[in-house]
């Protein structure tokens, strides 16, 4: 699901579909030493990423 699709569903009050994590995709290449190495300049997709775990 794209960020725009996610935003549209939220704005319309629609339920969000469940998505499975595909471990074959690996971790983010910018995740270094247990933190985001580009946090200050991260793209919108990262800024909009939701987590159920408190950072």
PDB file of N, CA and C in Angstrom:
ATOM      1  N   UNK A   1       0.838  -1.172   0.000  1.00  0.00           N
ATOM      2  CA  UNK A   1       0.000   0.000   0.000  1.00  0.00           C
ATOM      3  C   UNK A   1       0.883   1.236   0.000  1.00  0.00           C
ATOM      4  N   UNK A   2       0.553   2.165  -0.843  1.00  0.00           N
ATOM      5  CA  UNK A   2       1.319   3.404  -0.899  1.00  0.00           C
ATOM      6  C   UNK A   2       0.901   4.338   0.235  1.00  0.00           C
ATOM      7  N   UNK A   3       1.729   5.339   0.495  1.00  0.00           N
ATOM      8  CA  UNK A   3       1.401   6.328   1.516  1.00  0.00           C
ATOM      9  C   UNK A   3       0.125   7.071   1.144  1.00  0.00           C
ATOM     10  N   UNK A   4      -0.062   7.383  -0.145  1.00  0.00           N
ATOM     11  CA  UNK A   4      -1.268   8.083  -0.580  1.00  0.00           C
ATOM     12  C   UNK A   4      -2.510   7.216  -0.386  1.00  0.00           C
ATOM     13  N   UNK A   5      -2.414   5.939  -0.684  1.00  0.00           N
ATOM     14  CA  UNK A   5      -3.555   5.038  -0.471  1.00  0.00           C
ATOM     15  C   UNK A   5      -3.901   4.972   1.017  1.00  0.00           C
ATOM     16  N   UNK A   6      -2.873   4.892   1.860  1.00  0.00           N
ATOM     17  CA  UNK A   6      -3.077   4.850   3.296  1.00  0.00           C
ATOM     18  C   UNK A   6      -3.777   6.121   3.778  1.00  0.00           C
ATOM     19  N   UNK A   7      -3.295   7.266   3.317  1.00  0.00           N
ATOM     20  CA  UNK A   7      -3.878   8.549   3.718  1.00  0.00           C
ATOM     21  C   UNK A   7      -5.337   8.652   3.264  1.00  0.00           C
ATOM     22  N   UNK A   8      -5.621   8.212   2.038  1.00  0.00           N
ATOM     23  CA  UNK A   8      -6.992   8.280   1.524  1.00  0.00           C
ATOM     24  C   UNK A   8      -7.933   7.448   2.388  1.00  0.00           C
ATOM     25  N   UNK A   9      -7.537   6.229   2.718  1.00  0.00           N
ATOM     26  CA  UNK A   9      -8.381   5.376   3.551  1.00  0.00           C
ATOM     27  C   UNK A   9      -8.618   6.001   4.919  1.00  0.00           C
ATOM     28  N   UNK A  10      -7.569   6.575   5.495  1.00  0.00           N
ATOM     29  CA  UNK A  10      -7.717   7.226   6.803  1.00  0.00           C
ATOM     30  C   UNK A  10      -8.667   8.417   6.720  1.00  0.00           C
ATOM     31  N   UNK A  11      -8.520   9.247   5.691  1.00  0.00           N
ATOM     32  CA  UNK A  11      -9.368  10.425   5.536  1.00  0.00           C
ATOM     33  C   UNK A  11     -10.829  10.043   5.312  1.00  0.00           C
ATOM     34  N   UNK A  12     -11.049   8.903   4.657  1.00  0.00           N
ATOM     35  CA  UNK A  12     -12.414   8.446   4.393  1.00  0.00           C
ATOM     36  C   UNK A  12     -12.982   7.623   5.546  1.00  0.00           C
ATOM     37  N   UNK A  13     -12.180   7.397   6.570  1.00  0.00           N
ATOM     38  CA  UNK A  13     -12.638   6.610   7.710  1.00  0.00           C
ATOM     39  C   UNK A  13     -12.808   5.132   7.388  1.00  0.00           C
ATOM     40  N   UNK A  14     -12.101   4.677   6.365  1.00  0.00           N
ATOM     41  CA  UNK A  14     -12.197   3.286   5.941  1.00  0.00           C
ATOM     42  C   UNK A  14     -11.249   2.421   6.772  1.00  0.00           C
ATOM     43  N   UNK A  15     -11.574   1.141   6.940  1.00  0.00           N
ATOM     44  CA  UNK A  15     -10.654   0.255   7.654  1.00  0.00           C
ATOM     45  C   UNK A  15      -9.394   0.011   6.831  1.00  0.00           C
ATOM     46  N   UNK A  16      -8.301  -0.148   7.514  1.00  0.00           N
ATOM     47  CA  UNK A  16      -7.031  -0.402   6.840  1.00  0.00           C
ATOM     48  C   UNK A  16      -6.829  -1.907   6.690  1.00  0.00           C
ATOM     49  N   UNK A  17      -6.425  -2.359   5.510  1.00  0.00           N
ATOM     50  CA  UNK A  17      -6.205  -3.790   5.320  1.00  0.00           C
ATOM     51  C   UNK A  17      -4.966  -4.251   6.078  1.00  0.00           C
ATOM     52  N   UNK A  18      -5.007  -5.491   6.533  1.00  0.00           N
ATOM     53  CA  UNK A  18      -3.844  -6.071   7.184  1.00  0.00           C
ATOM     54  C   UNK A  18      -2.791  -6.360   6.127  1.00  0.00           C
ATOM     55  N   UNK A  19      -1.556  -6.080   6.438  1.00  0.00           N
ATOM     56  CA  UNK A  19      -0.456  -6.375   5.527  1.00  0.00           C
ATOM     57  C   UNK A  19       0.532  -7.281   6.233  1.00  0.00           C
ATOM     58  N   UNK A  20       1.047  -8.228   5.508  1.00  0.00           N
ATOM     59  CA  UNK A  20       2.047  -9.117   6.071  1.00  0.00           C
ATOM     60  C   UNK A  20       3.439  -8.571   5.786  1.00  0.00           C
ATOM     61  N   UNK A  21       4.303  -8.709   6.763  1.00  0.00           N
ATOM     62  CA  UNK A  21       5.695  -8.317   6.572  1.00  0.00           C
ATOM     63  C   UNK A  21       6.390  -9.432   5.801  1.00  0.00           C
ATOM     64  N   UNK A  22       7.097  -9.078   4.768  1.00  0.00           N
ATOM     65  CA  UNK A  22       7.820 -10.055   3.966  1.00  0.00           C
ATOM     66  C   UNK A  22       9.290 -10.035   4.394  1.00  0.00           C
ATOM     67  N   UNK A  23       9.701 -11.001   5.224  1.00  0.00           N
ATOM     68  CA  UNK A  23      11.075 -10.989   5.725  1.00  0.00           C
ATOM     69  C   UNK A  23      12.132 -11.109   4.629  1.00  0.00           C
ATOM     70  N   UNK A  24      11.742 -11.590   3.454  1.00  0.00           N
ATOM     71  CA  UNK A  24      12.728 -11.721   2.379  1.00  0.00           C
ATOM     72  C   UNK A  24      13.191 -10.354   1.869  1.00  0.00           C
ATOM     73  N   UNK A  25      12.446  -9.309   2.197  1.00  0.00           N
ATOM     74  CA  UNK A  25      12.829  -7.962   1.764  1.00  0.00           C
ATOM     75  C   UNK A  25      13.946  -7.394   2.623  1.00  0.00           C
ATOM     76  N   UNK A  26      14.185  -7.991   3.776  1.00  0.00           N
ATOM     77  CA  UNK A  26      15.259  -7.540   4.660  1.00  0.00           C
ATOM     78  C   UNK A  26      14.889  -6.299   5.431  1.00  0.00           C
ATOM     79  N   UNK A  27      15.868  -5.748   6.096  1.00  0.00           N
ATOM     80  CA  UNK A  27      15.641  -4.531   6.887  1.00  0.00           C
ATOM     81  C   UNK A  27      15.979  -3.311   6.049  1.00  0.00           C
ATOM     82  N   UNK A  28      15.575  -2.183   6.506  1.00  0.00           N
ATOM     83  CA  UNK A  28      15.873  -0.921   5.822  1.00  0.00           C
ATOM     84  C   UNK A  28      17.385  -0.756   5.703  1.00  0.00           C
ATOM     85  N   UNK A  29      17.876  -0.408   4.517  1.00  0.00           N
ATOM     86  CA  UNK A  29      19.328  -0.240   4.350  1.00  0.00           C
ATOM     87  C   UNK A  29      19.900   0.937   5.139  1.00  0.00           C
ATOM     88  N   UNK A  30      19.038   1.818   5.633  1.00  0.00           N
ATOM     89  CA  UNK A  30      19.498   2.964   6.414  1.00  0.00           C
ATOM     90  C   UNK A  30      19.468   2.699   7.915  1.00  0.00           C
ATOM     91  N   UNK A  31      19.021   1.494   8.319  1.00  0.00           N
ATOM     92  CA  UNK A  31      18.982   1.114   9.723  1.00  0.00           C
ATOM     93  C   UNK A  31      20.380   0.647  10.102  1.00  0.00           C
ATOM     94  N   UNK A  32      21.115   1.471  10.859  1.00  0.00           N
ATOM     95  CA  UNK A  32      22.502   1.189  11.213  1.00  0.00           C
ATOM     96  C   UNK A  32      22.665   1.314  12.728  1.00  0.00           C
ATOM     97  N   UNK A  33      23.261   0.316  13.335  1.00  0.00           N
ATOM     98  CA  UNK A  33      23.510   0.334  14.785  1.00  0.00           C
ATOM     99  C   UNK A  33      22.226   0.589  15.571  1.00  0.00           C
ATOM    100  N   UNK A  34      21.158  -0.099  15.177  1.00  0.00           N
ATOM    101  CA  UNK A  34      19.849  -0.005  15.847  1.00  0.00           C
ATOM    102  C   UNK A  34      19.233   1.386  15.831  1.00  0.00           C
ATOM    103  N   UNK A  35      19.517   2.163  14.788  1.00  0.00           N
ATOM    104  CA  UNK A  35      18.864   3.465  14.649  1.00  0.00           C
ATOM    105  C   UNK A  35      18.856   3.886  13.181  1.00  0.00           C
ATOM    106  N   UNK A  36      18.007   4.839  12.874  1.00  0.00           N
ATOM    107  CA  UNK A  36      17.897   5.357  11.516  1.00  0.00           C
ATOM    108  C   UNK A  36      19.059   6.313  11.245  1.00  0.00           C
ATOM    109  N   UNK A  37      19.853   5.976  10.228  1.00  0.00           N
ATOM    110  CA  UNK A  37      21.020   6.801   9.925  1.00  0.00           C
ATOM    111  C   UNK A  37      20.678   8.056   9.108  1.00  0.00           C
ATOM    112  N   UNK A  38      19.434   8.169   8.636  1.00  0.00           N
ATOM    113  CA  UNK A  38      19.027   9.355   7.862  1.00  0.00           C
ATOM    114  C   UNK A  38      17.812  10.035   8.496  1.00  0.00           C
ATOM    115  N   UNK A  39      17.636   9.851   9.793  1.00  0.00           N
ATOM    116  CA  UNK A  39      16.433  10.321  10.480  1.00  0.00           C
ATOM    117  C   UNK A  39      16.098  11.785  10.180  1.00  0.00           C
ATOM    118  N   UNK A  40      17.067  12.660  10.243  1.00  0.00           N
ATOM    119  CA  UNK A  40      16.810  14.097  10.045  1.00  0.00           C
ATOM    120  C   UNK A  40      16.350  14.440   8.630  1.00  0.00           C
ATOM    121  N   UNK A  41      16.663  13.602   7.655  1.00  0.00           N
ATOM    122  CA  UNK A  41      16.297  13.883   6.265  1.00  0.00           C
ATOM    123  C   UNK A  41      15.466  12.740   5.656  1.00  0.00           C
ATOM    124  N   UNK A  42      14.846  11.933   6.508  1.00  0.00           N
ATOM    125  CA  UNK A  42      14.102  10.764   6.017  1.00  0.00           C
ATOM    126  C   UNK A  42      12.939  11.190   5.120  1.00  0.00           C
ATOM    127  N   UNK A  43      12.589  10.360   4.131  1.00  0.00           N
ATOM    128  CA  UNK A  43      11.508  10.695   3.201  1.00  0.00           C
ATOM    129  C   UNK A  43      10.127  10.592   3.853  1.00  0.00           C
ATOM    130  N   UNK A  44       9.125  11.129   3.172  1.00  0.00           N
ATOM    131  CA  UNK A  44       7.756  11.144   3.694  1.00  0.00           C
ATOM    132  C   UNK A  44       7.269   9.751   4.055  1.00  0.00           C
ATOM    133  N   UNK A  45       7.587   8.762   3.234  1.00  0.00           N
ATOM    134  CA  UNK A  45       7.147   7.396   3.524  1.00  0.00           C
ATOM    135  C   UNK A  45       7.624   6.933   4.889  1.00  0.00           C
ATOM    136  N   UNK A  46       8.828   7.304   5.249  1.00  0.00           N
ATOM    137  CA  UNK A  46       9.359   6.946   6.564  1.00  0.00           C
ATOM    138  C   UNK A  46       8.705   7.785   7.658  1.00  0.00           C
ATOM    139  N   UNK A  47       8.485   9.057   7.361  1.00  0.00           N
ATOM    140  CA  UNK A  47       7.868   9.935   8.361  1.00  0.00           C
ATOM    141  C   UNK A  47       6.443   9.507   8.680  1.00  0.00           C
ATOM    142  N   UNK A  48       5.772   8.933   7.693  1.00  0.00           N
ATOM    143  CA  UNK A  48       4.384   8.521   7.868  1.00  0.00           C
ATOM    144  C   UNK A  48       4.260   7.088   8.404  1.00  0.00           C
ATOM    145  N   UNK A  49       5.388   6.394   8.511  1.00  0.00           N
ATOM    146  CA  UNK A  49       5.367   5.011   8.961  1.00  0.00           C
ATOM    147  C   UNK A  49       4.833   4.938  10.384  1.00  0.00           C
ATOM    148  N   UNK A  50       3.931   4.022  10.613  1.00  0.00           N
ATOM    149  CA  UNK A  50       3.342   3.849  11.932  1.00  0.00           C
ATOM    150  C   UNK A  50       3.934   2.627  12.614  1.00  0.00           C
ATOM    151  N   UNK A  51       4.024   2.671  13.912  1.00  0.00           N
ATOM    152  CA  UNK A  51       4.543   1.544  14.666  1.00  0.00           C
ATOM    153  C   UNK A  51       3.708   1.335  15.918  1.00  0.00           C
ATOM    154  N   UNK A  52       3.590   0.087  16.332  1.00  0.00           N
ATOM    155  CA  UNK A  52       2.894  -0.207  17.588  1.00  0.00           C
ATOM    156  C   UNK A  52       3.887  -0.252  18.740  1.00  0.00           C
ATOM    157  N   UNK A  53       5.171  -0.031  18.436  1.00  0.00           N
ATOM    158  CA  UNK A  53       6.215  -0.049  19.450  1.00  0.00           C
ATOM    159  C   UNK A  53       6.696   1.375  19.682  1.00  0.00           C
ATOM    160  N   UNK A  54       6.725   1.781  20.937  1.00  0.00           N
ATOM    161  CA  UNK A  54       7.190   3.125  21.260  1.00  0.00           C
ATOM    162  C   UNK A  54       8.680   3.221  21.002  1.00  0.00           C
ATOM    163  N   UNK A  55       9.090   4.282  20.287  1.00  0.00           N
ATOM    164  CA  UNK A  55      10.521   4.476  20.014  1.00  0.00           C
ATOM    165  C   UNK A  55      11.177   4.968  21.260  1.00  0.00           C
TER     166      UNK A  55
END
